[in-house]
């Protein structure tokens, strides 16, 4: 009985670790997307200012 409870605990801990890793990967990819988005916006702004000259 105790052995089963211990296994269940380690399993839930492992699942929470996986979820934490996924959240970390997701937030990292989101920050990369945000950087790309800002760069694209900056490019569009510079091309628009060149056109207006």
N, C-alpha and C. Protein backbone atom coordinates (compact mmCIF):
# COMPACT_ATOMS: atom_id res chain seq x y z
N UNK A 1 0.83 -1.20 0.00
CA UNK A 1 0.00 0.00 0.00
C UNK A 1 0.86 1.26 0.00
N UNK A 2 1.82 1.30 0.92
CA UNK A 2 2.70 2.48 0.95
C UNK A 2 3.49 2.58 -0.36
N UNK A 3 3.86 1.42 -0.86
CA UNK A 3 4.64 1.42 -2.10
C UNK A 3 3.83 2.05 -3.24
N UNK A 4 2.55 1.71 -3.33
CA UNK A 4 1.70 2.28 -4.38
C UNK A 4 1.56 3.79 -4.21
N UNK A 5 1.36 4.23 -2.97
CA UNK A 5 1.23 5.67 -2.74
C UNK A 5 2.51 6.40 -3.14
N UNK A 6 3.65 5.78 -2.83
CA UNK A 6 4.92 6.39 -3.20
C UNK A 6 5.05 6.51 -4.71
N UNK A 7 4.65 5.46 -5.42
CA UNK A 7 4.70 5.50 -6.88
C UNK A 7 3.79 6.58 -7.42
N UNK A 8 2.59 6.69 -6.84
CA UNK A 8 1.66 7.70 -7.32
C UNK A 8 2.25 9.10 -7.09
N UNK A 9 2.90 9.28 -5.95
CA UNK A 9 3.48 10.59 -5.66
C UNK A 9 4.59 10.93 -6.66
N UNK A 10 5.48 9.97 -6.91
CA UNK A 10 6.57 10.25 -7.84
C UNK A 10 6.02 10.49 -9.24
N UNK A 11 4.93 9.78 -9.58
CA UNK A 11 4.34 9.98 -10.91
C UNK A 11 3.78 11.40 -11.02
N UNK A 12 3.06 11.86 -10.00
CA UNK A 12 2.49 13.20 -10.06
C UNK A 12 3.60 14.25 -10.08
N UNK A 13 4.68 14.00 -9.33
CA UNK A 13 5.80 14.94 -9.34
C UNK A 13 6.44 14.98 -10.73
N UNK A 14 6.55 13.81 -11.36
CA UNK A 14 7.13 13.76 -12.71
C UNK A 14 6.24 14.52 -13.68
N UNK A 15 4.93 14.35 -13.56
CA UNK A 15 4.01 15.06 -14.46
C UNK A 15 4.13 16.56 -14.26
N UNK A 16 4.21 17.01 -13.01
CA UNK A 16 4.32 18.45 -12.77
C UNK A 16 5.64 18.98 -13.32
N UNK A 17 6.71 18.18 -13.24
CA UNK A 17 7.99 18.60 -13.81
C UNK A 17 7.88 18.74 -15.32
N UNK A 18 7.18 17.81 -15.96
CA UNK A 18 7.00 17.89 -17.41
C UNK A 18 6.20 19.13 -17.77
N UNK A 19 5.14 19.41 -16.98
CA UNK A 19 4.34 20.60 -17.25
C UNK A 19 5.17 21.86 -17.08
N UNK A 20 6.02 21.90 -16.06
CA UNK A 20 6.89 23.05 -15.86
C UNK A 20 7.83 23.22 -17.05
N UNK A 21 8.40 22.12 -17.54
CA UNK A 21 9.30 22.19 -18.69
C UNK A 21 8.55 22.69 -19.92
N UNK A 22 7.32 22.20 -20.12
CA UNK A 22 6.54 22.65 -21.27
C UNK A 22 6.23 24.13 -21.16
N UNK A 23 5.87 24.60 -19.96
CA UNK A 23 5.59 26.02 -19.78
C UNK A 23 6.84 26.85 -20.07
N UNK A 24 8.01 26.35 -19.64
CA UNK A 24 9.26 27.08 -19.88
C UNK A 24 9.54 27.16 -21.37
N UNK A 25 9.37 26.04 -22.09
CA UNK A 25 9.58 26.03 -23.54
C UNK A 25 8.59 26.97 -24.22
N UNK A 26 7.33 26.93 -23.75
CA UNK A 26 6.30 27.77 -24.36
C UNK A 26 6.63 29.24 -24.16
N UNK A 27 7.02 29.62 -22.95
CA UNK A 27 7.33 31.03 -22.70
C UNK A 27 8.56 31.46 -23.49
N UNK A 28 9.54 30.57 -23.65
CA UNK A 28 10.73 30.90 -24.43
C UNK A 28 10.35 31.12 -25.89
N UNK A 29 9.51 30.24 -26.44
CA UNK A 29 9.12 30.40 -27.84
C UNK A 29 8.26 31.66 -27.99
N UNK A 30 7.46 32.00 -27.00
CA UNK A 30 6.65 33.21 -27.08
C UNK A 30 7.56 34.44 -27.11
N UNK A 31 8.62 34.45 -26.31
CA UNK A 31 9.51 35.60 -26.31
C UNK A 31 10.23 35.71 -27.65
N UNK A 32 10.56 34.58 -28.26
CA UNK A 32 11.18 34.61 -29.59
C UNK A 32 10.19 35.18 -30.61
N UNK A 33 8.92 34.75 -30.51
CA UNK A 33 7.90 35.28 -31.42
C UNK A 33 7.73 36.78 -31.21
N UNK A 34 7.75 37.23 -29.97
CA UNK A 34 7.62 38.66 -29.70
C UNK A 34 8.77 39.44 -30.31
N UNK A 35 9.99 38.91 -30.21
CA UNK A 35 11.14 39.58 -30.81
C UNK A 35 10.97 39.67 -32.33
N UNK A 36 10.56 38.55 -32.94
CA UNK A 36 10.35 38.56 -34.39
C UNK A 36 9.28 39.58 -34.76
N UNK A 37 8.21 39.61 -34.00
CA UNK A 37 7.12 40.54 -34.29
C UNK A 37 7.59 41.98 -34.20
N UNK A 38 8.38 42.29 -33.16
CA UNK A 38 8.91 43.65 -33.03
C UNK A 38 9.83 43.99 -34.19
N UNK A 39 10.68 43.03 -34.59
CA UNK A 39 11.58 43.29 -35.71
C UNK A 39 10.80 43.55 -36.99
N UNK A 40 9.75 42.77 -37.22
CA UNK A 40 8.93 42.96 -38.42
C UNK A 40 8.26 44.33 -38.38
N UNK A 41 7.75 44.71 -37.22
CA UNK A 41 7.12 46.03 -37.09
C UNK A 41 8.14 47.13 -37.37
N UNK A 42 9.35 46.96 -36.86
CA UNK A 42 10.39 47.96 -37.08
C UNK A 42 10.72 48.06 -38.57
N UNK A 43 10.81 46.91 -39.24
CA UNK A 43 11.08 46.92 -40.68
C UNK A 43 9.97 47.64 -41.43
N UNK A 44 8.72 47.36 -41.07
CA UNK A 44 7.60 48.01 -41.75
C UNK A 44 7.65 49.52 -41.51
N UNK A 45 7.99 49.93 -40.30
CA UNK A 45 8.07 51.36 -40.00
C UNK A 45 9.16 52.02 -40.84
N UNK A 46 10.33 51.37 -40.95
CA UNK A 46 11.41 51.97 -41.72
C UNK A 46 11.06 52.03 -43.20
N UNK A 47 10.42 50.99 -43.73
CA UNK A 47 10.05 51.03 -45.15
C UNK A 47 8.99 52.09 -45.38
N UNK A 48 8.07 52.27 -44.45
CA UNK A 48 7.06 53.31 -44.60
C UNK A 48 7.70 54.69 -44.57
N UNK A 49 8.67 54.91 -43.70
CA UNK A 49 9.32 56.22 -43.64
C UNK A 49 10.13 56.47 -44.90
N UNK A 50 10.74 55.43 -45.48
CA UNK A 50 11.46 55.61 -46.74
C UNK A 50 10.50 55.97 -47.87
N UNK A 51 9.32 55.35 -47.87
CA UNK A 51 8.35 55.65 -48.92
C UNK A 51 7.87 57.09 -48.83
N UNK A 52 7.72 57.58 -47.62
CA UNK A 52 7.16 58.92 -47.45
C UNK A 52 8.16 60.00 -47.85
N UNK A 53 9.44 59.66 -47.92
CA UNK A 53 10.45 60.67 -48.30
C UNK A 53 10.28 61.06 -49.76
